[in-house]
């Protein structure tokens, strides 16, 4: 595993978690998840990037807000995130309102059952969820 906390998390989610799931005889996630971007995202690196974000719900749609900073040393944004956005190498820009691939963290893929609703903006912004249990 890498020494950088964000790189270690991404490596675990991409390689270790699927291996552990398979070793336990469990079924892997059925399909990749997507969410609607609440804010635009840039990916000028020319490679696939996994960006920190916060997943929430509005009606029956998943919405995601990218973390304000994506610098690897910014652990606060990692702690506040509950998903990773998958910015693909062939795309340099995603507009607000577009769908983007996400990797849920901390059990979000299990139906948000271990999350508590914490706020609803007065301007009908999507609901935001915070982790409130032990990691799955």
N, C-alpha and C. Protein backbone atom coordinates (compact mmCIF):
# COMPACT_ATOMS: atom_id res chain seq x y z
N UNK A 1 0.85 -1.18 0.00
CA UNK A 1 0.00 0.00 0.00
C UNK A 1 0.89 1.24 0.00
N UNK A 2 0.45 2.27 -0.70
CA UNK A 2 1.20 3.53 -0.71
C UNK A 2 1.20 4.19 0.67
N UNK A 3 2.16 5.08 0.90
CA UNK A 3 2.25 5.79 2.17
C UNK A 3 1.34 7.01 2.23
N UNK A 4 0.98 7.57 1.09
CA UNK A 4 0.09 8.72 1.05
C UNK A 4 -1.33 8.27 1.44
N UNK A 5 -1.98 8.94 2.39
CA UNK A 5 -3.30 8.48 2.85
C UNK A 5 -4.34 8.37 1.73
N UNK A 6 -4.40 9.34 0.84
CA UNK A 6 -5.39 9.29 -0.23
C UNK A 6 -5.07 8.16 -1.20
N UNK A 7 -3.80 8.01 -1.55
CA UNK A 7 -3.41 6.92 -2.46
C UNK A 7 -3.68 5.56 -1.82
N UNK A 8 -3.48 5.45 -0.51
CA UNK A 8 -3.77 4.20 0.19
C UNK A 8 -5.27 3.90 0.14
N UNK A 9 -6.11 4.92 0.35
CA UNK A 9 -7.56 4.72 0.31
C UNK A 9 -8.01 4.29 -1.08
N UNK A 10 -7.54 4.98 -2.11
CA UNK A 10 -7.93 4.64 -3.48
C UNK A 10 -7.46 3.22 -3.82
N UNK A 11 -6.23 2.88 -3.46
CA UNK A 11 -5.72 1.53 -3.72
C UNK A 11 -6.56 0.48 -3.01
N UNK A 12 -6.93 0.75 -1.76
CA UNK A 12 -7.76 -0.20 -1.02
C UNK A 12 -9.10 -0.39 -1.72
N UNK A 13 -9.76 0.71 -2.11
CA UNK A 13 -11.08 0.61 -2.73
C UNK A 13 -11.03 -0.09 -4.09
N UNK A 14 -9.95 0.12 -4.86
CA UNK A 14 -9.84 -0.47 -6.20
C UNK A 14 -9.36 -1.92 -6.19
N UNK A 15 -8.48 -2.27 -5.25
CA UNK A 15 -7.85 -3.58 -5.30
C UNK A 15 -8.15 -4.45 -4.08
N UNK A 16 -7.98 -3.90 -2.89
CA UNK A 16 -8.11 -4.72 -1.68
C UNK A 16 -9.56 -5.07 -1.35
N UNK A 17 -10.47 -4.08 -1.36
CA UNK A 17 -11.86 -4.37 -1.01
C UNK A 17 -12.45 -5.43 -1.94
N UNK A 18 -12.29 -5.33 -3.28
CA UNK A 18 -12.83 -6.39 -4.14
C UNK A 18 -12.24 -7.77 -3.83
N UNK A 19 -10.95 -7.81 -3.49
CA UNK A 19 -10.33 -9.10 -3.14
C UNK A 19 -10.91 -9.65 -1.84
N UNK A 20 -11.11 -8.80 -0.85
CA UNK A 20 -11.69 -9.25 0.42
C UNK A 20 -13.12 -9.73 0.24
N UNK A 21 -13.89 -9.01 -0.58
CA UNK A 21 -15.26 -9.41 -0.86
C UNK A 21 -15.28 -10.79 -1.51
N UNK A 22 -14.39 -11.01 -2.49
CA UNK A 22 -14.34 -12.29 -3.18
C UNK A 22 -13.91 -13.41 -2.23
N UNK A 23 -12.91 -13.14 -1.38
CA UNK A 23 -12.45 -14.16 -0.44
C UNK A 23 -13.53 -14.55 0.56
N UNK A 24 -14.45 -13.65 0.85
CA UNK A 24 -15.54 -13.94 1.78
C UNK A 24 -16.72 -14.64 1.09
N UNK A 25 -16.61 -14.81 -0.23
CA UNK A 25 -17.67 -15.46 -0.97
C UNK A 25 -18.88 -14.57 -1.21
N UNK A 26 -18.70 -13.27 -1.04
CA UNK A 26 -19.79 -12.33 -1.26
C UNK A 26 -19.83 -11.91 -2.73
N UNK A 27 -20.95 -11.40 -3.17
CA UNK A 27 -21.08 -10.92 -4.54
C UNK A 27 -20.54 -9.50 -4.63
N UNK A 28 -19.79 -9.21 -5.69
CA UNK A 28 -19.31 -7.83 -5.87
C UNK A 28 -20.48 -6.91 -6.24
N UNK A 29 -20.23 -5.62 -6.17
CA UNK A 29 -21.26 -4.64 -6.56
C UNK A 29 -21.73 -4.95 -7.97
N UNK A 30 -23.03 -4.85 -8.20
CA UNK A 30 -23.63 -5.24 -9.48
C UNK A 30 -23.20 -4.34 -10.63
N UNK A 31 -23.17 -3.06 -10.40
CA UNK A 31 -22.86 -2.14 -11.49
C UNK A 31 -22.21 -0.89 -10.92
N UNK A 32 -21.41 -0.20 -11.73
CA UNK A 32 -20.84 1.06 -11.26
C UNK A 32 -21.96 2.06 -10.97
N UNK A 33 -21.73 2.91 -9.99
CA UNK A 33 -22.71 3.93 -9.64
C UNK A 33 -22.35 5.25 -10.30
N UNK A 34 -23.37 6.05 -10.54
CA UNK A 34 -23.18 7.41 -11.06
C UNK A 34 -23.97 8.37 -10.20
N UNK A 35 -23.57 9.63 -10.25
CA UNK A 35 -24.29 10.70 -9.55
C UNK A 35 -24.24 11.94 -10.43
N UNK A 36 -25.14 12.86 -10.16
CA UNK A 36 -25.18 14.14 -10.88
C UNK A 36 -24.23 15.10 -10.18
N UNK A 37 -23.39 15.75 -10.95
CA UNK A 37 -22.44 16.73 -10.38
C UNK A 37 -23.16 18.00 -9.98
N UNK A 38 -22.95 18.44 -8.75
CA UNK A 38 -23.51 19.70 -8.28
C UNK A 38 -22.62 20.87 -8.69
N UNK A 39 -21.35 20.60 -8.96
CA UNK A 39 -20.38 21.62 -9.37
C UNK A 39 -19.48 21.04 -10.46
N UNK A 40 -18.91 21.90 -11.31
CA UNK A 40 -18.04 21.38 -12.37
C UNK A 40 -16.75 20.76 -11.81
N UNK A 41 -16.13 19.89 -12.62
CA UNK A 41 -14.88 19.22 -12.25
C UNK A 41 -13.92 19.31 -13.42
N UNK A 42 -12.68 19.63 -13.12
CA UNK A 42 -11.61 19.63 -14.13
C UNK A 42 -10.69 18.44 -13.89
N UNK A 43 -10.21 17.88 -15.00
CA UNK A 43 -9.24 16.78 -14.94
C UNK A 43 -8.25 16.98 -16.09
N UNK A 44 -7.31 17.86 -15.89
CA UNK A 44 -6.37 18.21 -16.95
C UNK A 44 -5.13 17.33 -16.97
N UNK A 45 -5.10 16.27 -16.19
CA UNK A 45 -3.88 15.46 -16.07
C UNK A 45 -3.68 14.50 -17.23
N UNK A 46 -4.76 14.18 -17.97
CA UNK A 46 -4.64 13.20 -19.03
C UNK A 46 -4.66 11.77 -18.52
N UNK A 47 -4.96 11.57 -17.24
CA UNK A 47 -5.07 10.23 -16.67
C UNK A 47 -6.32 10.16 -15.80
N UNK A 48 -6.73 8.95 -15.47
CA UNK A 48 -7.90 8.77 -14.61
C UNK A 48 -7.56 9.25 -13.20
N UNK A 49 -8.44 10.07 -12.64
CA UNK A 49 -8.25 10.58 -11.28
C UNK A 49 -9.44 10.21 -10.43
N UNK A 50 -9.17 9.97 -9.16
CA UNK A 50 -10.20 9.65 -8.19
C UNK A 50 -10.25 10.82 -7.22
N UNK A 51 -11.30 11.61 -7.34
CA UNK A 51 -11.42 12.85 -6.59
C UNK A 51 -12.36 12.68 -5.41
N UNK A 52 -12.05 13.33 -4.33
CA UNK A 52 -12.90 13.25 -3.15
C UNK A 52 -14.19 14.02 -3.36
N UNK A 53 -15.28 13.49 -2.81
CA UNK A 53 -16.56 14.16 -2.95
C UNK A 53 -17.52 13.77 -1.85
N UNK A 54 -18.63 14.48 -1.83
CA UNK A 54 -19.67 14.22 -0.84
C UNK A 54 -20.96 13.88 -1.57
N UNK A 55 -21.47 12.70 -1.30
CA UNK A 55 -22.66 12.18 -1.95
C UNK A 55 -23.89 12.51 -1.12
N UNK A 56 -24.98 12.88 -1.81
CA UNK A 56 -26.25 13.15 -1.14
C UNK A 56 -27.40 12.78 -2.06
N UNK A 57 -28.62 12.93 -1.57
CA UNK A 57 -29.81 12.58 -2.34
C UNK A 57 -30.75 13.77 -2.46
N UNK A 58 -31.38 13.88 -3.62
CA UNK A 58 -32.48 14.81 -3.82
C UNK A 58 -33.55 14.01 -4.56
N UNK A 59 -34.71 13.90 -3.95
CA UNK A 59 -35.76 13.00 -4.45
C UNK A 59 -35.14 11.61 -4.56
N UNK A 60 -35.08 11.05 -5.75
CA UNK A 60 -34.49 9.72 -5.92
C UNK A 60 -33.15 9.79 -6.66
N UNK A 61 -32.61 10.98 -6.86
CA UNK A 61 -31.35 11.14 -7.60
C UNK A 61 -30.17 11.31 -6.66
N UNK A 62 -29.07 10.65 -7.01
CA UNK A 62 -27.81 10.86 -6.28
C UNK A 62 -27.12 12.10 -6.83
N UNK A 63 -26.68 12.97 -5.95
CA UNK A 63 -25.91 14.17 -6.32
C UNK A 63 -24.57 14.09 -5.62
N UNK A 64 -23.55 14.69 -6.23
CA UNK A 64 -22.22 14.68 -5.63
C UNK A 64 -21.59 16.06 -5.74
N UNK A 65 -20.94 16.47 -4.64
CA UNK A 65 -20.19 17.73 -4.61
C UNK A 65 -18.71 17.38 -4.50
N UNK A 66 -17.90 17.84 -5.44
CA UNK A 66 -16.46 17.60 -5.30
C UNK A 66 -15.91 18.39 -4.11
N UNK A 67 -14.91 17.83 -3.44
CA UNK A 67 -14.26 18.54 -2.34
C UNK A 67 -13.62 19.81 -2.88
N UNK A 68 -13.56 20.84 -2.05
CA UNK A 68 -12.99 22.12 -2.49
C UNK A 68 -11.54 21.98 -2.91
N UNK A 69 -10.79 21.19 -2.17
CA UNK A 69 -9.40 20.97 -2.53
C UNK A 69 -9.17 19.49 -2.79
N UNK A 70 -8.36 19.19 -3.79
CA UNK A 70 -8.05 17.81 -4.13
C UNK A 70 -6.57 17.50 -3.89
N UNK A 71 -5.87 18.38 -3.18
CA UNK A 71 -4.46 18.15 -2.90
C UNK A 71 -4.32 16.93 -1.99
N UNK A 72 -3.33 16.10 -2.28
CA UNK A 72 -3.19 14.83 -1.57
C UNK A 72 -2.92 15.01 -0.08
N UNK A 73 -2.32 16.12 0.31
CA UNK A 73 -2.00 16.32 1.72
C UNK A 73 -3.18 16.87 2.54
N UNK A 74 -4.28 17.19 1.89
CA UNK A 74 -5.44 17.75 2.58
C UNK A 74 -6.31 16.65 3.16
N UNK A 75 -6.00 16.23 4.36
CA UNK A 75 -6.74 15.13 4.98
C UNK A 75 -8.15 15.54 5.41
N UNK A 76 -8.37 16.81 5.69
CA UNK A 76 -9.71 17.25 6.13
C UNK A 76 -10.74 16.95 5.05
N UNK A 77 -10.42 17.20 3.78
CA UNK A 77 -11.38 16.92 2.72
C UNK A 77 -11.57 15.42 2.53
N UNK A 78 -10.56 14.62 2.85
CA UNK A 78 -10.70 13.17 2.79
C UNK A 78 -11.64 12.68 3.89
N UNK A 79 -11.50 13.24 5.08
CA UNK A 79 -12.35 12.86 6.21
C UNK A 79 -13.81 13.23 5.95
N UNK A 80 -14.04 14.37 5.30
CA UNK A 80 -15.40 14.84 5.04
C UNK A 80 -16.05 14.16 3.84
N UNK A 81 -15.29 13.43 3.06
CA UNK A 81 -15.81 12.80 1.85
C UNK A 81 -16.47 11.46 2.16
N UNK A 82 -17.50 11.13 1.37
CA UNK A 82 -18.11 9.80 1.52
C UNK A 82 -18.13 9.06 0.18
N UNK A 83 -17.40 9.61 -0.81
CA UNK A 83 -17.28 8.90 -2.09
C UNK A 83 -16.07 9.45 -2.85
N UNK A 84 -15.71 8.71 -3.88
CA UNK A 84 -14.68 9.16 -4.82
C UNK A 84 -15.35 9.36 -6.17
N UNK A 85 -15.06 10.47 -6.83
CA UNK A 85 -15.53 10.72 -8.18
C UNK A 85 -14.50 10.15 -9.14
N UNK A 86 -14.95 9.49 -10.19
CA UNK A 86 -14.04 8.89 -11.17
C UNK A 86 -13.99 9.80 -12.39
N UNK A 87 -12.93 10.63 -12.45
CA UNK A 87 -12.73 11.51 -13.60
C UNK A 87 -11.88 10.75 -14.61
N UNK A 88 -12.49 10.39 -15.72
CA UNK A 88 -11.83 9.52 -16.70
C UNK A 88 -10.77 10.28 -17.50
N UNK A 89 -9.79 9.53 -17.97
CA UNK A 89 -8.64 10.12 -18.67
C UNK A 89 -9.01 10.82 -19.97
N UNK A 90 -10.08 10.39 -20.63
CA UNK A 90 -10.45 11.01 -21.91
C UNK A 90 -11.26 12.30 -21.74
N UNK A 91 -11.58 12.65 -20.51
CA UNK A 91 -12.36 13.87 -20.26
C UNK A 91 -11.52 14.86 -19.46
N UNK A 92 -11.48 16.11 -19.89
CA UNK A 92 -10.75 17.12 -19.14
C UNK A 92 -11.69 18.02 -18.33
N UNK A 93 -13.01 17.95 -18.61
CA UNK A 93 -13.94 18.84 -17.93
C UNK A 93 -15.32 18.18 -17.85
N UNK A 94 -15.93 18.26 -16.71
CA UNK A 94 -17.30 17.80 -16.49
C UNK A 94 -18.10 19.00 -16.02
N UNK A 95 -19.23 19.26 -16.66
CA UNK A 95 -20.07 20.39 -16.28
C UNK A 95 -21.00 20.02 -15.14
N UNK A 96 -21.42 21.04 -14.41
CA UNK A 96 -22.44 20.86 -13.38
C UNK A 96 -23.69 20.30 -14.05
N UNK A 97 -24.32 19.32 -13.43
CA UNK A 97 -25.51 18.68 -14.00
C UNK A 97 -25.21 17.42 -14.79
N UNK A 98 -23.95 17.19 -15.13
CA UNK A 98 -23.57 15.96 -15.83
C UNK A 98 -23.48 14.81 -14.84
N UNK A 99 -23.59 13.59 -15.36
CA UNK A 99 -23.42 12.40 -14.54
C UNK A 99 -21.94 12.00 -14.56
N UNK A 100 -21.47 11.53 -13.41
CA UNK A 100 -20.08 11.09 -13.29
C UNK A 100 -20.06 9.81 -12.45
N UNK A 101 -19.10 8.95 -12.75
CA UNK A 101 -18.95 7.72 -11.98
C UNK A 101 -18.49 8.02 -10.57
N UNK A 102 -18.97 7.22 -9.62
CA UNK A 102 -18.56 7.39 -8.22
C UNK A 102 -18.24 6.04 -7.61
N UNK A 103 -17.36 6.06 -6.61
CA UNK A 103 -17.07 4.90 -5.79
C UNK A 103 -17.48 5.29 -4.37
N UNK A 104 -18.56 4.70 -3.87
CA UNK A 104 -19.00 5.03 -2.51
C UNK A 104 -18.00 4.54 -1.47
N UNK A 105 -17.89 5.26 -0.39
CA UNK A 105 -17.01 4.89 0.71
C UNK A 105 -17.85 4.64 1.96
N UNK A 106 -17.33 3.88 2.88
CA UNK A 106 -17.93 3.71 4.21
C UNK A 106 -19.32 3.13 4.19
N UNK A 107 -19.64 2.24 3.25
CA UNK A 107 -20.92 1.57 3.26
C UNK A 107 -22.03 2.27 2.51
N UNK A 108 -21.74 3.35 1.78
CA UNK A 108 -22.79 4.06 1.05
C UNK A 108 -23.45 3.14 0.03
N UNK A 109 -22.69 2.23 -0.56
CA UNK A 109 -23.22 1.34 -1.60
C UNK A 109 -24.30 0.41 -1.07
N UNK A 110 -24.39 0.28 0.24
CA UNK A 110 -25.37 -0.62 0.82
C UNK A 110 -26.72 0.05 1.01
N UNK A 111 -26.93 1.20 0.42
CA UNK A 111 -28.24 1.83 0.45
C UNK A 111 -28.36 3.00 1.39
N UNK A 112 -27.26 3.56 1.83
CA UNK A 112 -27.25 4.72 2.73
C UNK A 112 -27.89 4.41 4.08
N UNK A 113 -28.01 3.13 4.43
CA UNK A 113 -28.70 2.83 5.69
C UNK A 113 -27.90 3.20 6.92
N UNK A 114 -26.60 3.41 6.80
CA UNK A 114 -25.83 3.78 7.98
C UNK A 114 -25.44 5.26 7.96
N UNK A 115 -26.24 6.06 7.32
CA UNK A 115 -26.00 7.49 7.26
C UNK A 115 -27.17 8.22 7.87
N UNK A 116 -26.91 9.35 8.48
CA UNK A 116 -27.96 10.19 9.04
C UNK A 116 -28.07 11.46 8.22
N UNK A 117 -29.30 11.88 7.93
CA UNK A 117 -29.50 13.13 7.22
C UNK A 117 -29.08 14.27 8.16
N UNK A 118 -28.28 15.20 7.67
CA UNK A 118 -27.85 16.29 8.54
C UNK A 118 -28.36 17.65 8.11
N UNK A 119 -28.70 17.84 6.84
CA UNK A 119 -29.17 19.18 6.48
C UNK A 119 -29.93 19.18 5.17
N UNK A 120 -30.87 20.08 5.08
CA UNK A 120 -31.57 20.37 3.84
C UNK A 120 -31.51 21.87 3.68
N UNK A 121 -30.89 22.33 2.61
CA UNK A 121 -30.76 23.75 2.34
C UNK A 121 -32.13 24.36 2.05
N UNK A 122 -32.34 25.59 2.46
CA UNK A 122 -33.61 26.27 2.22
C UNK A 122 -33.88 26.47 0.73
N UNK A 123 -32.87 26.39 -0.13
CA UNK A 123 -33.04 26.59 -1.57
C UNK A 123 -33.22 25.26 -2.29
N UNK A 124 -33.70 24.26 -1.61
CA UNK A 124 -33.96 22.94 -2.19
C UNK A 124 -32.70 22.28 -2.74
N UNK A 125 -31.60 22.43 -2.03
CA UNK A 125 -30.37 21.74 -2.40
C UNK A 125 -30.52 20.27 -2.02
N UNK A 126 -29.77 19.37 -2.65
CA UNK A 126 -29.86 17.96 -2.29
C UNK A 126 -29.53 17.73 -0.82
N UNK A 127 -30.09 16.68 -0.26
CA UNK A 127 -29.79 16.30 1.11
C UNK A 127 -28.34 15.87 1.21
N UNK A 128 -27.71 16.17 2.32
CA UNK A 128 -26.32 15.79 2.54
C UNK A 128 -26.29 14.79 3.68
N UNK A 129 -25.50 13.74 3.53
CA UNK A 129 -25.42 12.70 4.53
C UNK A 129 -24.04 12.66 5.13
N UNK A 130 -23.96 12.36 6.42
CA UNK A 130 -22.72 12.20 7.14
C UNK A 130 -22.62 10.77 7.64
N UNK A 131 -21.43 10.24 7.70
CA UNK A 131 -21.22 8.90 8.23
C UNK A 131 -21.45 8.90 9.73
N UNK A 132 -22.18 7.92 10.23
CA UNK A 132 -22.48 7.89 11.66
C UNK A 132 -22.30 6.51 12.28
N UNK A 133 -21.70 5.60 11.57
CA UNK A 133 -21.51 4.26 12.13
C UNK A 133 -20.10 3.78 11.90
N UNK A 134 -19.86 2.53 12.19
CA UNK A 134 -18.53 1.99 11.94
C UNK A 134 -18.40 1.63 10.47
N UNK A 135 -17.20 1.78 9.89
CA UNK A 135 -17.01 1.47 8.47
C UNK A 135 -17.40 0.04 8.15
N UNK A 136 -17.96 -0.15 6.96
CA UNK A 136 -18.38 -1.49 6.52
C UNK A 136 -17.25 -2.09 5.73
